[in-house]
């Protein structure tokens, strides 16, 4: 992968690492400042979300998972000037915790992910779309 594309994937991995370490301030700082920021997910609530709603939902989801881990594969990156698209397979795993019953369930999901990034000094996420692979 050319260096510019590798830099884009470095930004994507930094985003995922911030989630893994629950560094919510870092996650927020990696969102584009553009008010057109958007995200879609395969986890309710469905629909298009702005940066603030995305941040709140990410924090809630990550708070409910212990031992979170991820693996990125099948990376494809296209860079055009100040914008880049990263498409990849994202495998996520962890223990889904129910704090009311003090129980947990081990979960692993495989999803297709697309991140659109814009260069605002550094690469920032302008759009995310994650959809689970059936099965």
C-alpha atoms as a PDB file:
ATOM      1  CA  UNK A   1       0.000   0.000   0.000  1.00  0.00           C
ATOM      2  CA  UNK A   2       1.418   3.444  -0.877  1.00  0.00           C
ATOM      3  CA  UNK A   3       2.544   5.598   2.051  1.00  0.00           C
ATOM      4  CA  UNK A   4      -0.422   7.964   1.773  1.00  0.00           C
ATOM      5  CA  UNK A   5      -2.870   5.057   1.988  1.00  0.00           C
ATOM      6  CA  UNK A   6      -0.932   3.602   4.911  1.00  0.00           C
ATOM      7  CA  UNK A   7      -1.300   6.954   6.695  1.00  0.00           C
ATOM      8  CA  UNK A   8      -5.066   6.741   6.237  1.00  0.00           C
ATOM      9  CA  UNK A   9      -5.158   3.242   7.730  1.00  0.00           C
ATOM     10  CA  UNK A  10      -2.951   4.467  10.587  1.00  0.00           C
ATOM     11  CA  UNK A  11      -5.671   7.042  11.336  1.00  0.00           C
ATOM     12  CA  UNK A  12      -8.384   4.351  11.183  1.00  0.00           C
ATOM     13  CA  UNK A  13      -6.408   2.100  13.531  1.00  0.00           C
ATOM     14  CA  UNK A  14      -5.789   5.018  15.913  1.00  0.00           C
ATOM     15  CA  UNK A  15      -9.562   5.543  15.976  1.00  0.00           C
ATOM     16  CA  UNK A  16     -10.191   1.869  16.760  1.00  0.00           C
ATOM     17  CA  UNK A  17      -7.446   1.877  19.407  1.00  0.00           C
ATOM     18  CA  UNK A  18      -9.011   4.916  21.082  1.00  0.00           C
ATOM     19  CA  UNK A  19     -12.250   2.936  21.285  1.00  0.00           C
ATOM     20  CA  UNK A  20     -10.471  -0.126  22.631  1.00  0.00           C
ATOM     21  CA  UNK A  21      -8.802   1.922  25.374  1.00  0.00           C
ATOM     22  CA  UNK A  22     -12.026   3.869  25.959  1.00  0.00           C
ATOM     23  CA  UNK A  23     -10.306   7.172  25.313  1.00  0.00           C
ATOM     24  CA  UNK A  24     -13.516   8.988  24.483  1.00  0.00           C
ATOM     25  CA  UNK A  25     -11.861  12.410  24.223  1.00  0.00           C
ATOM     26  CA  UNK A  26      -9.506  11.007  21.574  1.00  0.00           C
ATOM     27  CA  UNK A  27     -12.434   9.438  19.685  1.00  0.00           C
ATOM     28  CA  UNK A  28     -14.251  12.778  19.619  1.00  0.00           C
ATOM     29  CA  UNK A  29     -11.101  14.580  18.472  1.00  0.00           C
ATOM     30  CA  UNK A  30     -10.817  12.225  15.498  1.00  0.00           C
ATOM     31  CA  UNK A  31     -14.219  13.262  14.117  1.00  0.00           C
ATOM     32  CA  UNK A  32     -14.169  15.888  11.403  1.00  0.00           C
ATOM     33  CA  UNK A  33     -15.240  19.362  12.493  1.00  0.00           C
ATOM     34  CA  UNK A  34     -17.449  19.540   9.394  1.00  0.00           C
ATOM     35  CA  UNK A  35     -21.135  19.763  10.421  1.00  0.00           C
ATOM     36  CA  UNK A  36     -21.913  17.288   7.619  1.00  0.00           C
ATOM     37  CA  UNK A  37     -20.230  14.459   9.625  1.00  0.00           C
ATOM     38  CA  UNK A  38     -22.393  11.335   9.455  1.00  0.00           C
ATOM     39  CA  UNK A  39     -22.436   7.714  10.520  1.00  0.00           C
ATOM     40  CA  UNK A  40     -24.535   4.603   9.970  1.00  0.00           C
ATOM     41  CA  UNK A  41     -24.302   1.412  11.987  1.00  0.00           C
ATOM     42  CA  UNK A  42     -25.817  -2.037  12.079  1.00  0.00           C
ATOM     43  CA  UNK A  43     -26.571  -1.550  15.797  1.00  0.00           C
ATOM     44  CA  UNK A  44     -29.728   0.308  16.918  1.00  0.00           C
ATOM     45  CA  UNK A  45     -30.722   3.056  16.857  1.00  0.00           C
ATOM     46  CA  UNK A  46     -30.604   2.878  13.086  1.00  0.00           C
ATOM     47  CA  UNK A  47     -30.421   5.954  10.914  1.00  0.00           C
ATOM     48  CA  UNK A  48     -27.919   8.642  10.100  1.00  0.00           C
ATOM     49  CA  UNK A  49     -26.195  10.251  13.087  1.00  0.00           C
ATOM     50  CA  UNK A  50     -24.243  13.467  13.540  1.00  0.00           C
ATOM     51  CA  UNK A  51     -20.892  13.657  15.353  1.00  0.00           C
ATOM     52  CA  UNK A  52     -22.361  14.290  18.815  1.00  0.00           C
ATOM     53  CA  UNK A  53     -24.887  11.441  18.606  1.00  0.00           C
ATOM     54  CA  UNK A  54     -22.215   9.137  17.176  1.00  0.00           C
ATOM     55  CA  UNK A  55     -19.912   9.935  20.106  1.00  0.00           C
ATOM     56  CA  UNK A  56     -22.621   9.271  22.698  1.00  0.00           C
ATOM     57  CA  UNK A  57     -23.618   5.975  21.049  1.00  0.00           C
ATOM     58  CA  UNK A  58     -19.977   4.834  20.788  1.00  0.00           C
ATOM     59  CA  UNK A  59     -19.413   5.571  24.464  1.00  0.00           C
ATOM     60  CA  UNK A  60     -22.558   3.647  25.473  1.00  0.00           C
ATOM     61  CA  UNK A  61     -21.667   0.640  23.313  1.00  0.00           C
ATOM     62  CA  UNK A  62     -18.061   0.483  24.469  1.00  0.00           C
ATOM     63  CA  UNK A  63     -19.103   0.828  28.119  1.00  0.00           C
ATOM     64  CA  UNK A  64     -21.219  -2.325  27.743  1.00  0.00           C
ATOM     65  CA  UNK A  65     -18.345  -4.442  26.366  1.00  0.00           C
ATOM     66  CA  UNK A  66     -15.381  -5.715  28.340  1.00  0.00           C
ATOM     67  CA  UNK A  67     -12.254  -7.254  26.827  1.00  0.00           C
ATOM     68  CA  UNK A  68     -12.966  -5.485  23.541  1.00  0.00           C
ATOM     69  CA  UNK A  69     -10.690  -6.454  20.681  1.00  0.00           C
ATOM     70  CA  UNK A  70     -10.677  -5.954  16.938  1.00  0.00           C
ATOM     71  CA  UNK A  71      -8.899  -7.081  13.795  1.00  0.00           C
ATOM     72  CA  UNK A  72      -8.757  -5.239  10.472  1.00  0.00           C
ATOM     73  CA  UNK A  73      -8.273  -7.118   7.187  1.00  0.00           C
ATOM     74  CA  UNK A  74      -8.914  -6.792   3.439  1.00  0.00           C
ATOM     75  CA  UNK A  75      -7.949  -3.106   3.455  1.00  0.00           C
ATOM     76  CA  UNK A  76      -8.569  -0.907   0.426  1.00  0.00           C
ATOM     77  CA  UNK A  77      -7.704   2.792   0.450  1.00  0.00           C
ATOM     78  CA  UNK A  78      -8.309   5.464  -2.159  1.00  0.00           C
ATOM     79  CA  UNK A  79      -6.840   8.935  -1.618  1.00  0.00           C
ATOM     80  CA  UNK A  80      -7.970  11.907  -3.713  1.00  0.00           C
ATOM     81  CA  UNK A  81      -6.413  15.156  -2.568  1.00  0.00           C
ATOM     82  CA  UNK A  82      -7.695  16.028   0.897  1.00  0.00           C
ATOM     83  CA  UNK A  83     -10.198  13.149   1.026  1.00  0.00           C
ATOM     84  CA  UNK A  84      -9.749   9.401   1.439  1.00  0.00           C
ATOM     85  CA  UNK A  85     -11.963   6.335   1.531  1.00  0.00           C
ATOM     86  CA  UNK A  86     -10.919   3.297   3.559  1.00  0.00           C
ATOM     87  CA  UNK A  87     -12.890   0.080   3.111  1.00  0.00           C
ATOM     88  CA  UNK A  88     -12.047  -2.985   5.164  1.00  0.00           C
ATOM     89  CA  UNK A  89     -13.331  -5.993   7.049  1.00  0.00           C
ATOM     90  CA  UNK A  90     -13.649  -5.393  10.782  1.00  0.00           C
ATOM     91  CA  UNK A  91     -13.813  -8.294  13.216  1.00  0.00           C
ATOM     92  CA  UNK A  92     -14.780  -7.237  16.741  1.00  0.00           C
ATOM     93  CA  UNK A  93     -14.987  -9.334  19.878  1.00  0.00           C
ATOM     94  CA  UNK A  94     -15.604  -8.930  23.566  1.00  0.00           C
ATOM     95  CA  UNK A  95     -17.824  -9.748  26.492  1.00  0.00           C
ATOM     96  CA  UNK A  96     -21.239  -8.079  26.355  1.00  0.00           C
ATOM     97  CA  UNK A  97     -21.938  -7.259  29.997  1.00  0.00           C
ATOM     98  CA  UNK A  98     -25.368  -6.984  31.617  1.00  0.00           C
ATOM     99  CA  UNK A  99     -24.769  -4.919  34.741  1.00  0.00           C
ATOM    100  CA  UNK A 100     -28.258  -5.640  36.118  1.00  0.00           C
ATOM    101  CA  UNK A 101     -27.804  -9.412  36.234  1.00  0.00           C
ATOM    102  CA  UNK A 102     -23.994  -9.392  36.512  1.00  0.00           C
ATOM    103  CA  UNK A 103     -23.804 -11.763  33.571  1.00  0.00           C
ATOM    104  CA  UNK A 104     -22.013 -11.635  30.260  1.00  0.00           C
ATOM    105  CA  UNK A 105     -22.050 -13.131  26.806  1.00  0.00           C
ATOM    106  CA  UNK A 106     -19.029 -13.550  24.561  1.00  0.00           C
ATOM    107  CA  UNK A 107     -19.657 -11.962  21.171  1.00  0.00           C
ATOM    108  CA  UNK A 108     -17.752 -11.834  17.898  1.00  0.00           C
ATOM    109  CA  UNK A 109     -18.957  -9.944  14.851  1.00  0.00           C
ATOM    110  CA  UNK A 110     -17.564  -9.567  11.364  1.00  0.00           C
ATOM    111  CA  UNK A 111     -18.547  -6.404   9.527  1.00  0.00           C
ATOM    112  CA  UNK A 112     -17.798  -4.486   6.382  1.00  0.00           C
ATOM    113  CA  UNK A 113     -16.643  -0.983   7.227  1.00  0.00           C
ATOM    114  CA  UNK A 114     -16.195   2.144   5.171  1.00  0.00           C
ATOM    115  CA  UNK A 115     -14.594   5.272   6.614  1.00  0.00           C
ATOM    116  CA  UNK A 116     -14.409   8.532   4.684  1.00  0.00           C
ATOM    117  CA  UNK A 117     -11.628  10.741   6.012  1.00  0.00           C
ATOM    118  CA  UNK A 118     -10.704  14.351   5.323  1.00  0.00           C
ATOM    119  CA  UNK A 119      -7.388  16.007   5.942  1.00  0.00           C
ATOM    120  CA  UNK A 120      -7.831  18.692   8.615  1.00  0.00           C
ATOM    121  CA  UNK A 121      -4.172  18.937   9.555  1.00  0.00           C
ATOM    122  CA  UNK A 122      -4.365  15.194  10.248  1.00  0.00           C
ATOM    123  CA  UNK A 123      -6.804  12.654   8.844  1.00  0.00           C
ATOM    124  CA  UNK A 124     -10.225  13.005  10.521  1.00  0.00           C
ATOM    125  CA  UNK A 125     -13.257  10.750  10.135  1.00  0.00           C
ATOM    126  CA  UNK A 126     -16.035  12.499   8.183  1.00  0.00           C
ATOM    127  CA  UNK A 127     -18.283   9.464   7.669  1.00  0.00           C
ATOM    128  CA  UNK A 128     -18.448   5.889   8.960  1.00  0.00           C
ATOM    129  CA  UNK A 129     -20.607   3.030   7.774  1.00  0.00           C
ATOM    130  CA  UNK A 130     -20.419  -0.379   9.440  1.00  0.00           C
ATOM    131  CA  UNK A 131     -22.625  -3.289   8.350  1.00  0.00           C
ATOM    132  CA  UNK A 132     -22.497  -6.772   9.795  1.00  0.00           C
ATOM    133  CA  UNK A 133     -21.774  -9.702   7.507  1.00  0.00           C
ATOM    134  CA  UNK A 134     -24.652 -12.187   7.881  1.00  0.00           C
ATOM    135  CA  UNK A 135     -23.895 -15.562   9.388  1.00  0.00           C
END
